[in-house]
């Protein structure tokens, strides 16, 4: 292994990425609330995908650079502890309400098992009429889980062949080629499905048709690490603020335009919008994590945005059942203005998510941190090391 001082600096906790995650989950909420000014809010899922690709790739490679190996066992245990408890709670609550509503027991159990087994995206395509309760949105969690397995195993197998600092540079190049190839293949396959008039859900839910955004995030992580292990980072960090600000403004405007104009089931998402959302997100990730004078980073790092980012996982998984619990028709029958009714639904989603975050997620995050990878070159304790954002 090379000396420790040649290792790239750990990403650590990035409040700006929490803020970006907060924007993503709010876009999804606005979409599911049917707020007319955010018809493309479903693209917030692609922002999530890109952030996950970036963070997971960074996490795995930082472990490899620090220890010389990637422990897949530890990685999957940590992912399970981080994500599974809140998901199990969601399944238990949704299944209980389905039984109380006298839904088909066998179908209810099938749905529950598909969610817990991270195959909800494929189960939805096979039985589009069978999804009830508060779990259909878990399709995106399934795709992320598939990415974890596919990419972590691939990365670990390829990384085993590289040891020296020079070989690490080659490793990053090879992984970049794999990432670019996957992005092109996934986007092209989705375009082929669209050209063949495939069902919309086939393009929207299929794992292989939705890998472009998550691998754009992985590519952003590889670009960042390549810059940090070369003189390129000095050029990037010393770049004038104006061109960096222009890049960030273009990325923000691109995401805003996609959220505000993209229509559900239109041709644009199937052809380009998923990819464009991933590219815009990756641009913001790179500028805000690498440039010391980022224009957008302070805005993303505000306490409100970072709080929404921290509770984003709970907010995502609970917003659908919480929204179903507050029946909008009852508010209309009582003569309550629609805006007030929608704000109540929005508030209910946040309250339920906060309860899940503070009672479930934070409890298990403390357990997850026991499985932090330790570098043989480190002299600091695990408690002193900065942590990656939680997603």
Protein backbone atom coordinates (compact mmCIF):
# COMPACT_ATOMS: atom_id res chain seq x y z
CA UNK A 1 0.00 0.00 0.00
CA UNK A 2 1.22 3.54 -0.65
CA UNK A 3 1.98 5.88 2.20
CA UNK A 4 -1.05 7.28 3.97
CA UNK A 5 -0.29 10.84 2.88
CA UNK A 6 -0.98 9.93 -0.75
CA UNK A 7 -4.57 9.03 0.03
CA UNK A 8 -7.31 11.43 -1.06
CA UNK A 9 -8.96 13.38 1.72
CA UNK A 10 -12.11 11.78 3.09
CA UNK A 11 -15.34 13.33 1.88
CA UNK A 12 -16.71 13.49 5.40
CA UNK A 13 -20.11 14.94 6.14
CA UNK A 14 -21.31 17.41 3.50
CA UNK A 15 -24.27 19.56 4.60
CA UNK A 16 -24.72 20.74 1.00
CA UNK A 17 -25.52 17.16 -0.05
CA UNK A 18 -28.09 16.95 2.74
CA UNK A 19 -29.67 20.09 1.29
CA UNK A 20 -29.70 18.63 -2.21
CA UNK A 21 -31.35 15.52 -0.83
CA UNK A 22 -33.91 17.74 0.85
CA UNK A 23 -34.78 19.34 -2.50
CA UNK A 24 -35.17 15.89 -4.05
CA UNK A 25 -37.61 14.61 -1.44
CA UNK A 26 -39.65 17.81 -1.44
CA UNK A 27 -40.00 17.58 -5.23
CA UNK A 28 -41.35 14.04 -4.88
CA UNK A 29 -43.79 15.16 -2.18
CA UNK A 30 -45.05 18.06 -4.29
CA UNK A 31 -45.59 15.65 -7.18
CA UNK A 32 -47.59 13.19 -5.09
CA UNK A 33 -49.61 16.05 -3.64
CA UNK A 34 -50.56 16.91 -7.25
CA UNK A 35 -49.39 20.48 -6.90
CA UNK A 36 -49.67 21.83 -10.46
CA UNK A 37 -46.45 23.83 -10.47
CA UNK A 38 -44.33 20.70 -9.94
CA UNK A 39 -45.57 18.08 -12.45
CA UNK A 40 -42.03 16.75 -12.88
CA UNK A 41 -41.38 16.29 -9.19
CA UNK A 42 -41.10 12.55 -9.77
CA UNK A 43 -37.63 13.35 -11.16
CA UNK A 44 -36.57 13.97 -7.58
CA UNK A 45 -36.06 10.20 -7.50
CA UNK A 46 -33.30 10.60 -10.09
CA UNK A 47 -31.65 13.21 -7.87
CA UNK A 48 -31.75 10.57 -5.12
CA UNK A 49 -30.31 7.98 -7.48
CA UNK A 50 -27.42 10.24 -8.45
CA UNK A 51 -26.61 11.13 -4.84
CA UNK A 52 -26.68 7.45 -3.88
CA UNK A 53 -24.36 6.54 -6.73
CA UNK A 54 -21.95 9.27 -5.68
CA UNK A 55 -21.97 8.46 -1.97
CA UNK A 56 -21.85 4.68 -2.24
CA UNK A 57 -18.97 4.79 -4.73
CA UNK A 58 -17.09 7.25 -2.52
CA UNK A 59 -17.74 5.15 0.57
CA UNK A 60 -16.46 1.94 -1.02
CA UNK A 61 -13.37 3.48 -2.60
CA UNK A 62 -12.42 5.41 0.53
CA UNK A 63 -12.50 2.09 2.39
CA UNK A 64 -10.34 0.53 -0.32
CA UNK A 65 -7.85 3.40 -0.37
CA UNK A 66 -7.60 3.34 3.42
CA UNK A 67 -7.48 -0.41 4.10
CA UNK A 68 -6.51 -2.03 0.80
CA UNK A 69 -9.73 -4.01 0.62
CA UNK A 70 -13.51 -3.69 0.47
CA UNK A 71 -15.51 -5.72 2.97
CA UNK A 72 -18.75 -6.58 1.22
CA UNK A 73 -20.07 -8.24 4.38
CA UNK A 74 -19.60 -5.06 6.39
CA UNK A 75 -21.00 -2.93 3.57
CA UNK A 76 -24.23 -4.90 3.28
CA UNK A 77 -24.66 -5.14 7.05
CA UNK A 78 -24.32 -1.35 7.33
CA UNK A 79 -26.76 -0.78 4.46
CA UNK A 80 -29.24 -3.16 6.03
CA UNK A 81 -29.02 -1.56 9.47
CA UNK A 82 -29.36 1.88 7.92
CA UNK A 83 -32.33 1.21 5.62
CA UNK A 84 -34.24 -1.88 6.72
CA UNK A 85 -35.77 -0.99 10.13
CA UNK A 86 -37.87 1.93 8.85
CA UNK A 87 -38.87 -0.12 5.80
CA UNK A 88 -40.01 -3.00 8.00
CA UNK A 89 -42.08 -0.55 10.06
CA UNK A 90 -43.67 0.77 6.87
CA UNK A 91 -44.56 -2.74 5.70
CA UNK A 92 -46.04 -3.69 9.07
CA UNK A 93 -48.21 -0.59 9.26
CA UNK A 94 -49.35 -0.75 5.63
CA UNK A 95 -50.08 -4.48 5.82
CA UNK A 96 -52.08 -4.05 9.02
CA UNK A 97 -54.23 -1.35 7.43
CA UNK A 98 -54.70 -3.51 4.32
CA UNK A 99 -56.00 -6.39 6.46
CA UNK A 100 -58.29 -4.02 8.37
CA UNK A 101 -59.64 -2.81 5.01
CA UNK A 102 -60.35 -6.47 4.10
CA UNK A 103 -57.95 -6.56 1.17
CA UNK A 104 -57.03 -9.87 -0.43
CA UNK A 105 -54.74 -11.52 2.19
CA UNK A 106 -52.60 -13.47 -0.30
CA UNK A 107 -52.06 -10.41 -2.48
CA UNK A 108 -51.31 -8.29 0.58
CA UNK A 109 -48.64 -10.72 1.75
CA UNK A 110 -47.18 -10.92 -1.76
CA UNK A 111 -46.85 -7.14 -1.86
CA UNK A 112 -45.28 -7.07 1.60
CA UNK A 113 -42.73 -9.74 0.67
CA UNK A 114 -41.84 -8.01 -2.59
CA UNK A 115 -41.09 -4.80 -0.69
CA UNK A 116 -39.01 -6.55 1.97
CA UNK A 117 -37.19 -8.51 -0.73
CA UNK A 118 -36.41 -5.35 -2.74
CA UNK A 119 -38.21 -6.53 -5.87
CA UNK A 120 -41.15 -4.12 -5.63
CA UNK A 121 -40.33 -2.55 -9.00
CA UNK A 122 -40.70 -5.85 -10.86
CA UNK A 123 -43.73 -6.89 -8.78
CA UNK A 124 -45.47 -3.63 -9.70
CA UNK A 125 -44.98 -4.29 -13.40
CA UNK A 126 -46.41 -7.79 -13.06
CA UNK A 127 -49.44 -6.75 -11.02
CA UNK A 128 -50.21 -3.07 -11.60
CA UNK A 129 -53.75 -3.40 -10.21
CA UNK A 130 -52.67 -5.15 -7.06
CA UNK A 131 -50.85 -2.27 -5.37
CA UNK A 132 -52.80 -0.68 -2.58
CA UNK A 133 -52.01 0.83 0.77
CA UNK A 134 -48.86 2.87 1.21
CA UNK A 135 -46.07 0.92 -0.45
CA UNK A 136 -46.04 1.32 -4.26
CA UNK A 137 -43.33 4.01 -4.14
CA UNK A 138 -40.85 1.49 -2.72
CA UNK A 139 -39.94 0.56 -6.29
CA UNK A 140 -37.11 3.11 -6.16
CA UNK A 141 -35.66 1.50 -3.03
CA UNK A 142 -35.54 -1.78 -4.94
CA UNK A 143 -33.55 -0.22 -7.79
CA UNK A 144 -31.09 1.32 -5.32
CA UNK A 145 -30.67 -2.07 -3.63
CA UNK A 146 -29.97 -3.68 -7.00
CA UNK A 147 -27.33 -1.00 -7.62
CA UNK A 148 -25.72 -1.69 -4.24
CA UNK A 149 -25.31 -5.36 -5.08
CA UNK A 150 -24.29 -4.88 -8.71
CA UNK A 151 -21.80 -2.06 -8.15
CA UNK A 152 -20.33 -3.09 -4.80
CA UNK A 153 -19.56 -6.61 -5.99
CA UNK A 154 -18.18 -5.39 -9.33
CA UNK A 155 -16.06 -2.72 -7.68
CA UNK A 156 -14.70 -5.10 -5.05
CA UNK A 157 -13.74 -7.72 -7.65
CA UNK A 158 -11.99 -5.21 -9.91
CA UNK A 159 -10.25 -3.43 -7.01
CA UNK A 160 -8.63 -6.67 -5.82
CA UNK A 161 -6.27 -6.51 -8.80
CA UNK A 162 -4.83 -3.07 -7.91
CA UNK A 163 -2.55 -2.13 -5.03
CA UNK A 164 -0.02 0.61 -5.76
CA UNK A 165 -0.77 4.32 -6.13
CA UNK A 166 -0.12 4.10 -9.87
CA UNK A 167 -2.47 1.14 -10.15
CA UNK A 168 -5.15 3.05 -8.25
CA UNK A 169 -5.15 5.62 -11.04
CA UNK A 170 -5.71 2.81 -13.53
CA UNK A 171 -8.47 1.43 -11.30
CA UNK A 172 -10.34 4.74 -11.39
CA UNK A 173 -10.00 4.87 -15.18
CA UNK A 174 -11.35 1.33 -15.60
CA UNK A 175 -14.26 2.00 -13.26
CA UNK A 176 -15.01 5.22 -15.14
CA UNK A 177 -15.23 3.27 -18.40
CA UNK A 178 -17.60 0.79 -16.75
CA UNK A 179 -19.75 3.62 -15.40
CA UNK A 180 -19.90 5.46 -18.74
CA UNK A 181 -20.76 2.22 -20.55
CA UNK A 182 -23.56 1.49 -18.09
CA UNK A 183 -24.98 5.01 -18.44
CA UNK A 184 -25.05 4.77 -22.23
CA UNK A 185 -26.44 1.24 -22.23
CA UNK A 186 -29.23 2.02 -19.76
CA UNK A 187 -30.34 5.25 -21.48
CA UNK A 188 -30.16 3.58 -24.90
CA UNK A 189 -32.18 0.60 -23.73
CA UNK A 190 -34.87 2.92 -22.37
CA UNK A 191 -34.98 4.71 -25.73
CA UNK A 192 -35.35 1.35 -27.50
CA UNK A 193 -38.22 0.41 -25.21
CA UNK A 194 -39.89 3.75 -25.93
CA UNK A 195 -39.42 3.31 -29.69
CA UNK A 196 -41.02 -0.14 -29.44
CA UNK A 197 -44.05 1.32 -27.63
CA UNK A 198 -43.27 -0.61 -24.48
CA UNK A 199 -45.56 0.05 -21.50
CA UNK A 200 -44.63 3.22 -19.64
CA UNK A 201 -44.05 1.33 -16.38
CA UNK A 202 -41.58 -0.94 -18.15
CA UNK A 203 -39.38 2.08 -18.85
CA UNK A 204 -40.07 3.70 -15.51
CA UNK A 205 -39.64 0.73 -13.16
CA UNK A 206 -37.21 -1.60 -14.90
CA UNK A 207 -33.87 -1.77 -13.09
CA UNK A 208 -31.78 -1.92 -16.25
CA UNK A 209 -33.73 1.02 -17.73
CA UNK A 210 -33.10 3.29 -14.74
CA UNK A 211 -29.41 2.78 -14.02
CA UNK A 212 -28.19 5.87 -15.89
CA UNK A 213 -28.82 8.39 -13.09
CA UNK A 214 -27.28 6.25 -10.37
CA UNK A 215 -24.18 5.54 -12.46
CA UNK A 216 -23.90 9.24 -13.33
CA UNK A 217 -23.50 9.69 -9.58
CA UNK A 218 -20.91 6.91 -9.48
CA UNK A 219 -19.03 8.59 -12.33
CA UNK A 220 -19.08 11.91 -10.43
CA UNK A 221 -17.48 10.15 -7.47
CA UNK A 222 -14.78 8.69 -9.72
CA UNK A 223 -14.12 12.09 -11.31
CA UNK A 224 -13.77 13.67 -7.88
CA UNK A 225 -11.34 10.98 -6.71
CA UNK A 226 -9.30 11.28 -9.90
CA UNK A 227 -9.04 15.03 -9.36
CA UNK A 228 -8.01 14.53 -5.73
CA UNK A 229 -5.27 12.10 -6.72
CA UNK A 230 -3.87 14.40 -9.39
CA UNK A 231 -2.93 18.04 -9.88
CA UNK A 232 -6.30 18.61 -11.51
CA UNK A 233 -7.92 19.38 -8.17
CA UNK A 234 -5.64 22.39 -7.73
CA UNK A 235 -6.89 23.81 -11.03
CA UNK A 236 -10.51 23.15 -10.14
CA UNK A 237 -10.31 24.60 -6.65
CA UNK A 238 -8.41 27.66 -7.84
CA UNK A 239 -10.84 28.34 -10.71
CA UNK A 240 -12.52 31.72 -10.59
CA UNK A 241 -15.84 31.87 -8.82
CA UNK A 242 -17.75 33.16 -11.86
CA UNK A 243 -17.41 30.08 -14.12
CA UNK A 244 -18.20 27.79 -11.18
CA UNK A 245 -21.25 29.90 -10.35
CA UNK A 246 -22.38 29.76 -13.98
CA UNK A 247 -22.13 25.96 -13.97
CA UNK A 248 -24.18 25.80 -10.79
CA UNK A 249 -26.81 28.23 -12.08
CA UNK A 250 -27.21 26.19 -15.27
CA UNK A 251 -27.60 22.98 -13.22
CA UNK A 252 -30.15 24.58 -10.86
CA UNK A 253 -32.15 26.04 -13.74
CA UNK A 254 -32.08 22.69 -15.53
CA UNK A 255 -33.49 20.88 -12.49
CA UNK A 256 -36.08 23.61 -11.92
CA UNK A 257 -37.18 23.44 -15.57
CA UNK A 258 -37.42 19.66 -15.45
CA UNK A 259 -39.48 19.75 -12.24
CA UNK A 260 -41.77 22.49 -13.60
CA UNK A 261 -42.40 21.23 -17.13
CA UNK A 262 -41.90 17.47 -17.40
CA UNK A 263 -45.18 15.62 -17.58
CA UNK A 264 -45.81 12.17 -16.16
CA UNK A 265 -45.86 9.46 -18.84
CA UNK A 266 -44.63 11.85 -21.52
CA UNK A 267 -41.89 10.91 -23.97
CA UNK A 268 -39.38 13.32 -22.41
CA UNK A 269 -38.70 11.28 -19.24
CA UNK A 270 -38.33 8.06 -21.18
CA UNK A 271 -35.89 9.60 -23.61
CA UNK A 272 -33.81 12.20 -21.78
CA UNK A 273 -35.25 13.70 -18.57
CA UNK A 274 -33.98 10.96 -16.24
CA UNK A 275 -30.48 11.36 -17.64
CA UNK A 276 -30.58 15.17 -17.64
CA UNK A 277 -31.68 15.24 -14.00
CA UNK A 278 -28.75 13.00 -13.13
CA UNK A 279 -26.25 15.17 -15.02
CA UNK A 280 -27.51 18.38 -13.40
CA UNK A 281 -27.33 16.77 -9.95
CA UNK A 282 -23.81 15.46 -10.57
CA UNK A 283 -22.71 18.94 -11.62
CA UNK A 284 -23.94 20.40 -8.34
CA UNK A 285 -22.38 17.58 -6.36
CA UNK A 286 -18.95 18.19 -7.89
CA UNK A 287 -18.95 21.97 -7.61
CA UNK A 288 -20.27 22.08 -4.06
CA UNK A 289 -17.91 19.39 -2.74
CA UNK A 290 -14.76 20.54 -4.55
CA UNK A 291 -14.86 24.32 -4.91
CA UNK A 292 -14.33 26.37 -1.72
CA UNK A 293 -16.34 29.31 -3.05
CA UNK A 294 -19.37 27.49 -4.39
CA UNK A 295 -22.33 29.82 -4.88
CA UNK A 296 -24.95 27.14 -4.20
CA UNK A 297 -23.33 25.32 -1.28
CA UNK A 298 -24.28 27.91 1.40
CA UNK A 299 -27.90 27.86 0.18
CA UNK A 300 -28.05 24.07 0.31
CA UNK A 301 -26.40 24.04 3.73
CA UNK A 302 -29.05 26.08 5.53
CA UNK A 303 -30.52 24.46 8.62
CA UNK A 304 -33.96 23.98 7.06
CA UNK A 305 -32.68 22.29 3.91
CA UNK A 306 -30.22 20.06 5.76
CA UNK A 307 -32.96 18.99 8.18
CA UNK A 308 -35.18 17.93 5.30
CA UNK A 309 -32.17 16.09 3.89
CA UNK A 310 -31.57 14.24 7.15
CA UNK A 311 -35.17 13.04 7.38
CA UNK A 312 -35.44 12.46 3.61
CA UNK A 313 -35.42 8.65 3.81
CA UNK A 314 -38.21 8.54 6.38
CA UNK A 315 -40.06 11.31 4.57
CA UNK A 316 -39.85 9.39 1.31
CA UNK A 317 -41.07 6.05 2.63
CA UNK A 318 -43.82 7.48 4.87
CA UNK A 319 -45.25 10.33 2.76
CA UNK A 320 -47.53 8.06 0.71
CA UNK A 321 -49.29 6.28 3.62
CA UNK A 322 -49.44 9.55 5.58
CA UNK A 323 -51.06 11.25 2.59
CA UNK A 324 -53.60 8.45 2.29
CA UNK A 325 -54.46 8.71 5.97
CA UNK A 326 -55.59 12.32 5.52
CA UNK A 327 -58.47 11.98 3.07
CA UNK A 328 -58.71 15.17 1.05
CA UNK A 329 -62.38 14.50 0.28
CA UNK A 330 -63.29 14.85 3.96
CA UNK A 331 -61.77 18.32 4.05
CA UNK A 332 -63.71 19.30 0.94
CA UNK A 333 -66.96 18.01 2.49
CA UNK A 334 -66.32 20.20 5.56
CA UNK A 335 -65.91 23.27 3.39
CA UNK A 336 -62.21 23.69 4.24
CA UNK A 337 -60.32 25.52 1.47
CA UNK A 338 -58.24 23.17 -0.75
CA UNK A 339 -55.01 25.01 0.05
CA UNK A 340 -55.51 24.48 3.78
CA UNK A 341 -56.30 20.81 3.21
CA UNK A 342 -53.14 20.34 1.16
CA UNK A 343 -51.02 22.06 3.80
CA UNK A 344 -52.48 19.75 6.45
CA UNK A 345 -51.57 16.72 4.34
CA UNK A 346 -48.07 18.11 3.85
CA UNK A 347 -47.71 18.71 7.58
CA UNK A 348 -48.92 15.19 8.37
CA UNK A 349 -46.24 13.74 6.10
CA UNK A 350 -43.52 15.72 7.87
CA UNK A 351 -44.75 14.79 11.36
CA UNK A 352 -44.85 11.06 10.59
CA UNK A 353 -41.42 11.22 8.93
CA UNK A 354 -39.90 13.06 11.89
CA UNK A 355 -41.26 10.44 14.30
CA UNK A 356 -39.75 7.67 12.17
CA UNK A 357 -36.43 9.47 11.87
CA UNK A 358 -35.94 10.23 15.56
CA UNK A 359 -37.35 7.00 16.95
CA UNK A 360 -36.21 4.44 14.37
CA UNK A 361 -33.50 5.75 12.08
CA UNK A 362 -31.31 7.48 14.63
CA UNK A 363 -31.47 4.48 16.96
CA UNK A 364 -30.16 2.13 14.28
CA UNK A 365 -27.63 4.63 12.86
CA UNK A 366 -25.79 4.40 16.17
CA UNK A 367 -25.64 0.62 15.69
CA UNK A 368 -24.54 1.04 12.06
CA UNK A 369 -21.56 3.16 13.08
CA UNK A 370 -20.09 0.18 14.90
CA UNK A 371 -19.38 -1.28 11.46
CA UNK A 372 -17.35 1.70 10.20
CA UNK A 373 -14.30 0.50 8.23
CA UNK A 374 -11.00 1.16 9.98
CA UNK A 375 -7.85 2.09 8.12
CA UNK A 376 -4.59 0.52 9.23
CA UNK A 377 -2.97 3.91 8.72
CA UNK A 378 -5.43 5.79 10.91
CA UNK A 379 -4.53 6.94 14.37
CA UNK A 380 -7.88 8.51 15.18
CA UNK A 381 -10.73 6.59 16.72
CA UNK A 382 -13.86 5.66 14.81
CA UNK A 383 -15.83 8.19 16.80
CA UNK A 384 -13.56 11.02 15.63
CA UNK A 385 -13.77 10.24 11.93
CA UNK A 386 -16.13 12.25 9.74
CA UNK A 387 -19.12 10.36 8.45
CA UNK A 388 -20.59 10.34 4.98
CA UNK A 389 -24.14 11.60 4.59
CA UNK A 390 -26.52 8.92 5.74
CA UNK A 391 -28.39 7.93 2.58
